[in-house]
Amino acid sequence: MRMLFHPDPQQITLADVLYALGDPVRLEIVQRLAKGGELCCAGLDCSVAKSTMSHHFRILRESGVVFSRKDGTQLLNSLRKAELDQRFPGLMDAVLGAVQH
């Protein structure tokens, strides 16, 4: 498996994060990760094709919203909330709070 790109926290831009969060499927993924902690892709069945889920995870990963790590044959994903909170204080709480309402 090739190395996965994860931007350093100082490379994460607000425009990239907002773009990643602007899609309903990606927003649902982020919400589930916020509630469930680290989850594998299969544990986040969002009723879309596997290739489409891969695309959504790539957008989330490359924008700095999620961190993905390989564990055997699975890819485990977690929300980079602490890093995002440091870079953009209150953003993720506001987004997650709005999604819950």
Protein backbone atom coordinates (compact mmCIF):
# COMPACT_ATOMS: atom_id res chain seq x y z
CA MET A 1 0.00 0.00 0.00
CA ARG A 2 1.33 3.42 -0.86
CA MET A 3 1.88 6.06 1.76
CA LEU A 4 -1.15 8.19 2.57
CA PHE A 5 -0.81 11.96 2.47
CA HIS A 6 -1.69 13.81 5.67
CA PRO A 7 -0.96 17.54 5.78
CA ASP A 8 0.96 18.94 8.73
CA PRO A 9 -1.34 20.97 10.99
CA GLN A 10 0.15 24.29 9.80
CA GLN A 11 -0.59 23.27 6.18
CA ILE A 12 -4.32 22.77 6.83
CA THR A 13 -6.31 25.60 5.29
CA LEU A 14 -9.78 26.79 6.20
CA ALA A 15 -10.83 26.64 2.55
CA ASP A 16 -9.84 22.96 2.29
CA VAL A 17 -11.60 22.05 5.54
CA LEU A 18 -14.79 23.85 4.56
CA TYR A 19 -14.71 22.24 1.11
CA ALA A 20 -14.34 18.79 2.72
CA LEU A 21 -17.19 19.45 5.14
CA GLY A 22 -19.42 20.84 2.40
CA ASP A 23 -20.52 17.42 1.16
CA PRO A 24 -23.37 15.63 3.03
CA VAL A 25 -21.67 12.21 2.88
CA ARG A 26 -18.37 13.59 4.18
CA LEU A 27 -20.19 15.52 6.89
CA GLU A 28 -21.91 12.28 7.96
CA ILE A 29 -18.53 10.51 8.07
CA VAL A 30 -17.10 13.28 10.28
CA GLN A 31 -20.12 13.14 12.57
CA ARG A 32 -19.78 9.36 12.97
CA LEU A 33 -16.05 9.64 13.65
CA ALA A 34 -16.73 12.33 16.27
CA LYS A 35 -19.15 10.00 18.05
CA GLY A 36 -17.36 6.69 17.53
CA GLY A 37 -13.69 7.57 17.68
CA GLU A 38 -11.45 5.54 15.39
CA LEU A 39 -13.46 3.50 12.88
CA CYS A 40 -12.68 1.41 9.82
CA CYS A 41 -14.15 2.32 6.45
CA ALA A 42 -16.55 -0.65 6.58
CA GLY A 43 -17.88 0.59 9.91
CA LEU A 44 -18.99 3.80 8.21
CA ASP A 45 -21.41 2.38 5.65
CA CYS A 46 -23.01 5.47 4.14
CA SER A 47 -24.95 3.65 1.37
CA VAL A 48 -22.54 4.69 -1.39
CA ALA A 49 -20.20 2.63 -3.56
CA LYS A 50 -16.83 1.61 -2.13
CA SER A 51 -15.01 3.70 -4.74
CA THR A 52 -17.10 6.72 -3.79
CA MET A 53 -16.29 6.20 -0.10
CA SER A 54 -12.58 6.02 -1.02
CA HIS A 55 -12.93 9.36 -2.80
CA HIS A 56 -14.63 10.95 0.21
CA PHE A 57 -11.95 9.65 2.58
CA ARG A 58 -9.21 10.97 0.30
CA ILE A 59 -10.79 14.44 0.34
CA LEU A 60 -11.17 14.33 4.14
CA ARG A 61 -7.62 13.03 4.65
CA GLU A 62 -5.91 15.42 2.23
CA SER A 63 -7.79 18.41 3.67
CA GLY A 64 -6.55 17.50 7.16
CA VAL A 65 -9.92 16.59 8.65
CA VAL A 66 -9.20 12.89 9.25
CA PHE A 67 -6.16 10.72 9.91
CA SER A 68 -6.04 7.26 8.34
CA ARG A 69 -3.73 4.46 9.41
CA LYS A 70 -3.30 0.96 8.15
CA ASP A 71 -3.93 -1.90 10.59
CA GLY A 72 -3.51 -5.24 8.85
CA THR A 73 -5.93 -5.20 5.93
CA GLN A 74 -8.05 -2.40 7.34
CA LEU A 75 -7.73 1.35 7.14
CA LEU A 76 -8.69 2.97 10.44
CA ASN A 77 -9.84 6.57 10.41
CA SER A 78 -10.03 9.15 13.16
CA LEU A 79 -11.04 12.79 13.32
CA ARG A 80 -8.12 15.22 13.74
CA LYS A 81 -10.23 17.29 16.12
CA ALA A 82 -7.46 18.37 18.48
CA GLU A 83 -5.31 19.61 15.60
CA LEU A 84 -8.27 21.31 13.92
CA ASP A 85 -9.30 22.94 17.23
CA GLN A 86 -5.79 24.31 17.64
CA ARG A 87 -5.69 25.62 14.06
CA PHE A 88 -9.32 26.88 13.91
CA PRO A 89 -10.68 27.23 17.47
CA GLY A 90 -14.37 26.37 17.77
CA LEU A 91 -14.86 25.39 14.12
CA MET A 92 -15.43 21.67 14.59
CA ASP A 93 -17.64 22.19 17.66
CA ALA A 94 -19.76 24.62 15.65
CA VAL A 95 -20.00 22.28 12.66
CA LEU A 96 -20.78 19.21 14.77
CA GLY A 97 -23.27 21.17 16.85
CA ALA A 98 -25.08 22.37 13.74
CA VAL A 99 -25.25 18.85 12.31
CA GLN A 100 -26.89 17.51 15.47
CA HIS A 101 -29.76 20.01 15.24
